[in-house]
């Protein structure tokens, strides 16, 4: 499931708190976007069509909740990024980051710990 950058903003709100009405989602986004409520409703409709969220009727309005889990989405996005930019290989990704911005001691220690924890049996 492909989620656009704008749709991701809606999802971030719903992952933080749900269920929410369209006006509550809009209110949560007023500090970070200048979107009209109609834009928020359009994005909610797209996410509904994709199956990323659900809508339950509550009186005269709908309350929206995420169906797509944040960790599932994050995993899919990371895989897509690595596939698209680095041919599915992680080592060139790490090499790129380490050459473009210095890795701190904490990052290096965390990477070493990850690598040490990966044995041939874990793959």
C-alpha atoms as a PDB file:
ATOM      1  CA  UNK A   1       0.000   0.000   0.000  1.00  0.00           C
ATOM      2  CA  UNK A   2       1.504   3.300  -1.092  1.00  0.00           C
ATOM      3  CA  UNK A   3       0.804   6.264   1.177  1.00  0.00           C
ATOM      4  CA  UNK A   4       1.667   9.745  -0.099  1.00  0.00           C
ATOM      5  CA  UNK A   5       3.471  12.350   2.006  1.00  0.00           C
ATOM      6  CA  UNK A   6       0.207  14.224   2.618  1.00  0.00           C
ATOM      7  CA  UNK A   7      -1.621  11.037   3.556  1.00  0.00           C
ATOM      8  CA  UNK A   8       1.224  10.222   5.942  1.00  0.00           C
ATOM      9  CA  UNK A   9       0.472  13.423   7.851  1.00  0.00           C
ATOM     10  CA  UNK A  10      -3.101  12.235   8.359  1.00  0.00           C
ATOM     11  CA  UNK A  11      -1.892   8.788   9.407  1.00  0.00           C
ATOM     12  CA  UNK A  12       0.524  10.287  11.954  1.00  0.00           C
ATOM     13  CA  UNK A  13      -2.390  12.043  13.625  1.00  0.00           C
ATOM     14  CA  UNK A  14      -4.494   8.880  13.677  1.00  0.00           C
ATOM     15  CA  UNK A  15      -1.594   6.734  14.924  1.00  0.00           C
ATOM     16  CA  UNK A  16      -1.208   9.153  17.820  1.00  0.00           C
ATOM     17  CA  UNK A  17      -4.880   9.309  18.783  1.00  0.00           C
ATOM     18  CA  UNK A  18      -7.996   7.642  17.439  1.00  0.00           C
ATOM     19  CA  UNK A  19     -10.825   7.486  16.697  1.00  0.00           C
ATOM     20  CA  UNK A  20     -11.089  11.073  15.468  1.00  0.00           C
ATOM     21  CA  UNK A  21     -13.574  12.981  13.356  1.00  0.00           C
ATOM     22  CA  UNK A  22     -12.473  14.883  10.246  1.00  0.00           C
ATOM     23  CA  UNK A  23     -12.642  18.195  12.106  1.00  0.00           C
ATOM     24  CA  UNK A  24     -10.511  16.768  14.930  1.00  0.00           C
ATOM     25  CA  UNK A  25      -7.915  15.554  12.418  1.00  0.00           C
ATOM     26  CA  UNK A  26      -7.987  18.992  10.788  1.00  0.00           C
ATOM     27  CA  UNK A  27      -7.524  20.707  14.163  1.00  0.00           C
ATOM     28  CA  UNK A  28      -4.563  18.462  14.971  1.00  0.00           C
ATOM     29  CA  UNK A  29      -2.891  19.529  11.718  1.00  0.00           C
ATOM     30  CA  UNK A  30      -3.438  23.293  11.949  1.00  0.00           C
ATOM     31  CA  UNK A  31      -0.002  23.960  13.448  1.00  0.00           C
ATOM     32  CA  UNK A  32       1.881  21.955  10.808  1.00  0.00           C
ATOM     33  CA  UNK A  33      -0.191  22.569   7.652  1.00  0.00           C
ATOM     34  CA  UNK A  34      -2.412  25.227   6.134  1.00  0.00           C
ATOM     35  CA  UNK A  35      -4.869  22.675   4.789  1.00  0.00           C
ATOM     36  CA  UNK A  36      -8.560  23.436   4.588  1.00  0.00           C
ATOM     37  CA  UNK A  37     -10.929  20.917   6.140  1.00  0.00           C
ATOM     38  CA  UNK A  38     -11.998  19.853   2.640  1.00  0.00           C
ATOM     39  CA  UNK A  39      -8.398  18.832   1.910  1.00  0.00           C
ATOM     40  CA  UNK A  40      -8.328  16.737   5.081  1.00  0.00           C
ATOM     41  CA  UNK A  41     -11.630  15.094   4.091  1.00  0.00           C
ATOM     42  CA  UNK A  42     -10.261  14.327   0.613  1.00  0.00           C
ATOM     43  CA  UNK A  43      -7.161  12.717   2.117  1.00  0.00           C
ATOM     44  CA  UNK A  44      -9.295  10.729   4.568  1.00  0.00           C
ATOM     45  CA  UNK A  45     -11.361   9.491   1.611  1.00  0.00           C
ATOM     46  CA  UNK A  46      -8.251   8.376  -0.245  1.00  0.00           C
ATOM     47  CA  UNK A  47      -6.977   6.542   2.835  1.00  0.00           C
ATOM     48  CA  UNK A  48     -10.383   4.871   3.226  1.00  0.00           C
ATOM     49  CA  UNK A  49     -10.292   3.720  -0.408  1.00  0.00           C
ATOM     50  CA  UNK A  50      -6.814   2.280   0.120  1.00  0.00           C
ATOM     51  CA  UNK A  51      -7.943   0.437   3.245  1.00  0.00           C
ATOM     52  CA  UNK A  52      -5.418   2.266   5.439  1.00  0.00           C
ATOM     53  CA  UNK A  53      -8.139   3.599   7.763  1.00  0.00           C
ATOM     54  CA  UNK A  54     -11.648   2.716   8.823  1.00  0.00           C
ATOM     55  CA  UNK A  55     -14.643   4.975   9.398  1.00  0.00           C
ATOM     56  CA  UNK A  56     -17.407   4.333  11.888  1.00  0.00           C
ATOM     57  CA  UNK A  57     -20.567   6.408  11.850  1.00  0.00           C
ATOM     58  CA  UNK A  58     -21.165   8.351  15.052  1.00  0.00           C
ATOM     59  CA  UNK A  59     -24.372  10.357  14.721  1.00  0.00           C
ATOM     60  CA  UNK A  60     -23.936  12.756  11.825  1.00  0.00           C
ATOM     61  CA  UNK A  61     -20.181  12.309  11.523  1.00  0.00           C
ATOM     62  CA  UNK A  62     -17.613   9.600  10.986  1.00  0.00           C
ATOM     63  CA  UNK A  63     -14.835   8.653  13.354  1.00  0.00           C
ATOM     64  CA  UNK A  64     -11.620   7.517  11.699  1.00  0.00           C
ATOM     65  CA  UNK A  65      -9.105   4.970  12.986  1.00  0.00           C
ATOM     66  CA  UNK A  66      -5.993   3.486  11.415  1.00  0.00           C
ATOM     67  CA  UNK A  67      -6.167  -0.020   9.973  1.00  0.00           C
ATOM     68  CA  UNK A  68      -2.593   0.123   8.715  1.00  0.00           C
ATOM     69  CA  UNK A  69      -0.213  -0.300  11.622  1.00  0.00           C
ATOM     70  CA  UNK A  70       2.609   2.220  11.899  1.00  0.00           C
ATOM     71  CA  UNK A  71       5.292  -0.469  12.221  1.00  0.00           C
ATOM     72  CA  UNK A  72       3.966  -2.243   9.106  1.00  0.00           C
ATOM     73  CA  UNK A  73       3.987   1.006   7.127  1.00  0.00           C
ATOM     74  CA  UNK A  74       7.459   1.921   8.361  1.00  0.00           C
ATOM     75  CA  UNK A  75       8.826  -1.487   7.352  1.00  0.00           C
ATOM     76  CA  UNK A  76       7.260  -1.189   3.878  1.00  0.00           C
ATOM     77  CA  UNK A  77       8.608   2.342   3.400  1.00  0.00           C
ATOM     78  CA  UNK A  78      12.125   1.365   4.514  1.00  0.00           C
ATOM     79  CA  UNK A  79      12.141  -1.619   2.169  1.00  0.00           C
ATOM     80  CA  UNK A  80      10.918   0.542  -0.740  1.00  0.00           C
ATOM     81  CA  UNK A  81      13.586   3.167  -0.034  1.00  0.00           C
ATOM     82  CA  UNK A  82      16.432   0.655   0.181  1.00  0.00           C
ATOM     83  CA  UNK A  83      15.187  -1.152  -2.938  1.00  0.00           C
ATOM     84  CA  UNK A  84      14.813   2.058  -4.934  1.00  0.00           C
ATOM     85  CA  UNK A  85      18.029   3.787  -3.904  1.00  0.00           C
ATOM     86  CA  UNK A  86      20.415   0.954  -3.075  1.00  0.00           C
ATOM     87  CA  UNK A  87      19.171  -2.081  -4.990  1.00  0.00           C
ATOM     88  CA  UNK A  88      17.884  -3.703  -1.806  1.00  0.00           C
ATOM     89  CA  UNK A  89      21.301  -3.676  -0.113  1.00  0.00           C
ATOM     90  CA  UNK A  90      21.752  -2.224   3.368  1.00  0.00           C
ATOM     91  CA  UNK A  91      25.564  -1.856   3.359  1.00  0.00           C
ATOM     92  CA  UNK A  92      25.581   0.900   0.683  1.00  0.00           C
ATOM     93  CA  UNK A  93      22.917   2.750   2.674  1.00  0.00           C
ATOM     94  CA  UNK A  94      25.060   2.735   5.817  1.00  0.00           C
ATOM     95  CA  UNK A  95      28.154   3.627   3.772  1.00  0.00           C
ATOM     96  CA  UNK A  96      26.312   6.585   2.243  1.00  0.00           C
ATOM     97  CA  UNK A  97      25.206   7.925   5.612  1.00  0.00           C
ATOM     98  CA  UNK A  98      28.626   7.480   7.179  1.00  0.00           C
ATOM     99  CA  UNK A  99      30.312   9.334   4.317  1.00  0.00           C
ATOM    100  CA  UNK A 100      27.796  12.178   4.133  1.00  0.00           C
ATOM    101  CA  UNK A 101      27.514  12.829   7.864  1.00  0.00           C
ATOM    102  CA  UNK A 102      29.771  11.561  10.601  1.00  0.00           C
ATOM    103  CA  UNK A 103      28.339   8.800  12.752  1.00  0.00           C
ATOM    104  CA  UNK A 104      28.454   9.478  16.468  1.00  0.00           C
ATOM    105  CA  UNK A 105      29.909   7.053  18.969  1.00  0.00           C
ATOM    106  CA  UNK A 106      26.391   5.966  20.014  1.00  0.00           C
ATOM    107  CA  UNK A 107      25.429   5.181  16.416  1.00  0.00           C
ATOM    108  CA  UNK A 108      28.632   3.208  15.828  1.00  0.00           C
ATOM    109  CA  UNK A 109      28.130   1.252  19.058  1.00  0.00           C
ATOM    110  CA  UNK A 110      24.506   0.506  18.129  1.00  0.00           C
ATOM    111  CA  UNK A 111      25.530  -0.686  14.657  1.00  0.00           C
ATOM    112  CA  UNK A 112      28.249  -2.912  16.133  1.00  0.00           C
ATOM    113  CA  UNK A 113      25.754  -4.384  18.567  1.00  0.00           C
ATOM    114  CA  UNK A 114      23.314  -5.098  15.727  1.00  0.00           C
ATOM    115  CA  UNK A 115      26.012  -6.720  13.622  1.00  0.00           C
ATOM    116  CA  UNK A 116      27.308  -8.794  16.543  1.00  0.00           C
ATOM    117  CA  UNK A 117      23.771 -10.022  17.193  1.00  0.00           C
ATOM    118  CA  UNK A 118      23.368 -11.199  13.594  1.00  0.00           C
ATOM    119  CA  UNK A 119      24.680 -14.700  13.175  1.00  0.00           C
ATOM    120  CA  UNK A 120      24.392 -16.929  10.158  1.00  0.00           C
ATOM    121  CA  UNK A 121      21.616 -18.809  12.020  1.00  0.00           C
ATOM    122  CA  UNK A 122      19.494 -15.627  12.352  1.00  0.00           C
ATOM    123  CA  UNK A 123      19.016 -15.077   8.617  1.00  0.00           C
END
